[in-house]
Structure formats: C-alpha cells, structure tokens
C-alpha atoms as a PDB file:
ATOM      1  CA  UNK A   1      95.575 127.070 -57.432  1.00  0.00           C
ATOM      2  CA  UNK A   2      97.078 123.625 -57.197  1.00  0.00           C
ATOM      3  CA  UNK A   3      94.130 121.730 -55.787  1.00  0.00           C
ATOM      4  CA  UNK A   4      93.595 119.812 -58.991  1.00  0.00           C
ATOM      5  CA  UNK A   5      90.456 121.302 -60.518  1.00  0.00           C
ATOM      6  CA  UNK A   6      89.925 122.785 -63.974  1.00  0.00           C
ATOM      7  CA  UNK A   7      91.451 119.782 -65.667  1.00  0.00           C
ATOM      8  CA  UNK A   8      94.810 120.300 -63.987  1.00  0.00           C
ATOM      9  CA  UNK A   9      96.358 117.384 -62.232  1.00  0.00           C
ATOM     10  CA  UNK A  10      98.900 117.113 -59.467  1.00  0.00           C
ATOM     11  CA  UNK A  11     100.064 113.777 -60.828  1.00  0.00           C
ATOM     12  CA  UNK A  12     102.392 113.428 -63.747  1.00  0.00           C
ATOM     13  CA  UNK A  13     101.796 111.043 -66.566  1.00  0.00           C
ATOM     14  CA  UNK A  14     105.102 109.929 -67.996  1.00  0.00           C
ATOM     15  CA  UNK A  15     103.370 107.847 -70.622  1.00  0.00           C
ATOM     16  CA  UNK A  16     102.768 110.929 -72.793  1.00  0.00           C
ATOM     17  CA  UNK A  17     106.139 112.552 -72.087  1.00  0.00           C
ATOM     18  CA  UNK A  18     109.547 111.027 -72.530  1.00  0.00           C
ATOM     19  CA  UNK A  19     113.087 111.751 -71.424  1.00  0.00           C
ATOM     20  CA  UNK A  20     113.794 115.415 -70.857  1.00  0.00           C
ATOM     21  CA  UNK A  21     110.152 116.346 -71.497  1.00  0.00           C
ATOM     22  CA  UNK A  22     109.116 114.252 -68.495  1.00  0.00           C
ATOM     23  CA  UNK A  23     111.848 115.815 -66.387  1.00  0.00           C
ATOM     24  CA  UNK A  24     110.788 119.338 -67.361  1.00  0.00           C
ATOM     25  CA  UNK A  25     107.156 118.519 -66.595  1.00  0.00           C
ATOM     26  CA  UNK A  26     108.195 117.178 -63.183  1.00  0.00           C
ATOM     27  CA  UNK A  27     110.116 120.363 -62.415  1.00  0.00           C
ATOM     28  CA  UNK A  28     107.160 122.516 -63.463  1.00  0.00           C
ATOM     29  CA  UNK A  29     104.708 120.541 -61.324  1.00  0.00           C
ATOM     30  CA  UNK A  30     106.824 120.389 -58.158  1.00  0.00           C
ATOM     31  CA  UNK A  31     105.697 123.849 -57.038  1.00  0.00           C
ATOM     32  CA  UNK A  32     102.225 122.403 -56.530  1.00  0.00           C
ATOM     33  CA  UNK A  33     103.523 120.167 -53.745  1.00  0.00           C
ATOM     34  CA  UNK A  34     104.342 123.299 -51.707  1.00  0.00           C
ATOM     35  CA  UNK A  35     101.097 125.196 -52.393  1.00  0.00           C
ATOM     36  CA  UNK A  36      98.913 126.417 -49.518  1.00  0.00           C
ATOM     37  CA  UNK A  37      95.858 125.254 -51.438  1.00  0.00           C
ATOM     38  CA  UNK A  38      96.965 121.631 -51.548  1.00  0.00           C
ATOM     39  CA  UNK A  39      94.093 119.698 -49.995  1.00  0.00           C
ATOM     40  CA  UNK A  40      91.730 122.700 -49.977  1.00  0.00           C
ATOM     41  CA  UNK A  41      88.350 122.263 -51.683  1.00  0.00           C
ATOM     42  CA  UNK A  42      88.938 123.348 -55.318  1.00  0.00           C
ATOM     43  CA  UNK A  43      85.459 124.915 -55.436  1.00  0.00           C
ATOM     44  CA  UNK A  44      86.816 127.697 -53.231  1.00  0.00           C
ATOM     45  CA  UNK A  45      89.033 128.793 -56.143  1.00  0.00           C
ATOM     46  CA  UNK A  46      86.237 128.675 -58.704  1.00  0.00           C
ATOM     47  CA  UNK A  47      83.489 130.825 -57.183  1.00  0.00           C
ATOM     48  CA  UNK A  48      80.214 131.448 -58.953  1.00  0.00           C
ATOM     49  CA  UNK A  49      80.051 134.620 -61.035  1.00  0.00           C
ATOM     50  CA  UNK A  50      79.760 137.597 -58.703  1.00  0.00           C
ATOM     51  CA  UNK A  51      80.659 135.589 -55.584  1.00  0.00           C
ATOM     52  CA  UNK A  52      83.480 136.699 -53.320  1.00  0.00           C
ATOM     53  CA  UNK A  53      87.045 135.660 -54.093  1.00  0.00           C
ATOM     54  CA  UNK A  54      88.290 136.882 -50.724  1.00  0.00           C
ATOM     55  CA  UNK A  55      88.690 133.465 -49.066  1.00  0.00           C
ATOM     56  CA  UNK A  56      90.584 131.968 -52.015  1.00  0.00           C
ATOM     57  CA  UNK A  57      92.881 134.975 -52.207  1.00  0.00           C
ATOM     58  CA  UNK A  58      93.504 134.693 -48.473  1.00  0.00           C
ATOM     59  CA  UNK A  59      94.759 131.131 -48.969  1.00  0.00           C
ATOM     60  CA  UNK A  60      97.096 132.441 -51.691  1.00  0.00           C
ATOM     61  CA  UNK A  61      98.306 135.488 -49.781  1.00  0.00           C
ATOM     62  CA  UNK A  62     101.030 133.784 -47.749  1.00  0.00           C
ATOM     63  CA  UNK A  63     101.785 130.990 -50.188  1.00  0.00           C
ATOM     64  CA  UNK A  64     105.475 130.460 -50.944  1.00  0.00           C
ATOM     65  CA  UNK A  65     104.709 129.359 -54.517  1.00  0.00           C
ATOM     66  CA  UNK A  66     102.175 132.072 -55.340  1.00  0.00           C
ATOM     67  CA  UNK A  67     104.292 133.475 -58.173  1.00  0.00           C
ATOM     68  CA  UNK A  68     104.928 130.031 -59.677  1.00  0.00           C
ATOM     69  CA  UNK A  69     101.191 129.375 -59.573  1.00  0.00           C
ATOM     70  CA  UNK A  70     100.450 132.702 -61.250  1.00  0.00           C
ATOM     71  CA  UNK A  71     103.053 132.096 -63.960  1.00  0.00           C
ATOM     72  CA  UNK A  72     101.620 128.619 -64.544  1.00  0.00           C
ATOM     73  CA  UNK A  73      98.159 130.117 -65.073  1.00  0.00           C
ATOM     74  CA  UNK A  74      99.474 132.829 -67.390  1.00  0.00           C
ATOM     75  CA  UNK A  75     101.630 130.427 -69.388  1.00  0.00           C
ATOM     76  CA  UNK A  76      98.864 127.854 -69.759  1.00  0.00           C
ATOM     77  CA  UNK A  77      96.039 130.310 -70.415  1.00  0.00           C
ATOM     78  CA  UNK A  78      93.949 129.384 -67.386  1.00  0.00           C
ATOM     79  CA  UNK A  79      90.786 131.411 -67.932  1.00  0.00           C
ATOM     80  CA  UNK A  80      88.852 130.473 -64.837  1.00  0.00           C
ATOM     81  CA  UNK A  81      89.432 130.544 -61.115  1.00  0.00           C
ATOM     82  CA  UNK A  82      91.885 132.102 -58.713  1.00  0.00           C
ATOM     83  CA  UNK A  83      95.508 131.334 -59.570  1.00  0.00           C
ATOM     84  CA  UNK A  84      98.451 132.900 -57.785  1.00  0.00           C
ATOM     85  CA  UNK A  85      96.054 135.096 -55.850  1.00  0.00           C
ATOM     86  CA  UNK A  86      94.581 136.740 -58.952  1.00  0.00           C
ATOM     87  CA  UNK A  87      91.142 136.456 -60.505  1.00  0.00           C
ATOM     88  CA  UNK A  88      90.483 135.989 -64.218  1.00  0.00           C
ATOM     89  CA  UNK A  89      90.035 139.742 -64.664  1.00  0.00           C
ATOM     90  CA  UNK A  90      93.234 140.526 -62.772  1.00  0.00           C
ATOM     91  CA  UNK A  91      95.199 138.025 -64.881  1.00  0.00           C
ATOM     92  CA  UNK A  92      93.817 139.525 -68.104  1.00  0.00           C
ATOM     93  CA  UNK A  93      94.913 142.964 -66.914  1.00  0.00           C
ATOM     94  CA  UNK A  94      98.392 141.629 -66.086  1.00  0.00           C
ATOM     95  CA  UNK A  95      98.687 139.963 -69.513  1.00  0.00           C
ATOM     96  CA  UNK A  96      97.741 143.266 -71.203  1.00  0.00           C
ATOM     97  CA  UNK A  97     100.271 145.184 -69.090  1.00  0.00           C
ATOM     98  CA  UNK A  98     103.020 142.696 -69.931  1.00  0.00           C
ATOM     99  CA  UNK A  99     102.181 142.789 -73.641  1.00  0.00           C
ATOM    100  CA  UNK A 100     102.230 146.584 -73.644  1.00  0.00           C
ATOM    101  CA  UNK A 101     105.564 146.649 -71.787  1.00  0.00           C
ATOM    102  CA  UNK A 102     107.026 144.121 -74.239  1.00  0.00           C
ATOM    103  CA  UNK A 103     105.923 146.271 -77.207  1.00  0.00           C
ATOM    104  CA  UNK A 104     107.548 149.331 -75.675  1.00  0.00           C
ATOM    105  CA  UNK A 105     110.822 147.455 -75.222  1.00  0.00           C
ATOM    106  CA  UNK A 106     110.888 146.253 -78.833  1.00  0.00           C
ATOM    107  CA  UNK A 107     109.798 149.597 -80.299  1.00  0.00           C
END
C-alpha cells in the first residue's frame, strides 16, 4: 500500500537523514513509485473492521512491487491495512511462520 496513508509518506525528507542514510531511504522508497495503488484512495486499503478487503487485494494482485510493499510492512511493523496484498491477520500469520522457520534453522 503506497498511497500515503497510515503515516507513511511517498516523499522523502532529507533533513532528518544525511549522506548514505538518505540514499538508503531513497532506494527503499522508490518501489512506491511503481505501485499499482499510487493515486488510489488510501481508504480502500484500510477498510472498516469486518468489511471486504477484496477490492484492495485486487489492486495488489498484479502489482510489480507487491513483494517490496509486503516486506516494507513486515519490516516496519505496519499493523493496519492491506500491504503487499495481505491483511493484518495474514501478515501476523506470515511473521509467525517466518519466526518458526528461523528457530528451526538455528536449532
């Protein structure tokens, strides 16, 4: 979900980041420029509790940066909305699966 809701911004503030930090932030944000949801009403990706997520997921389905979006949400702990085609519940499940897999590898 790159539309710019939930406190996320498509613009980059270089005043708080300097040098390589600003460059890394720019690289991380560039995926948003290619997102299918760019320009779509952000409310679509933040449905009311119990409302359908089908339309938001449809926007994500063919998106070329779906995985980048999902990883952004997982990395930054986005708790609300549809990100990378997954709901909050689906992202929690994925985080649990990854944590379990990581424990098995280190055990």
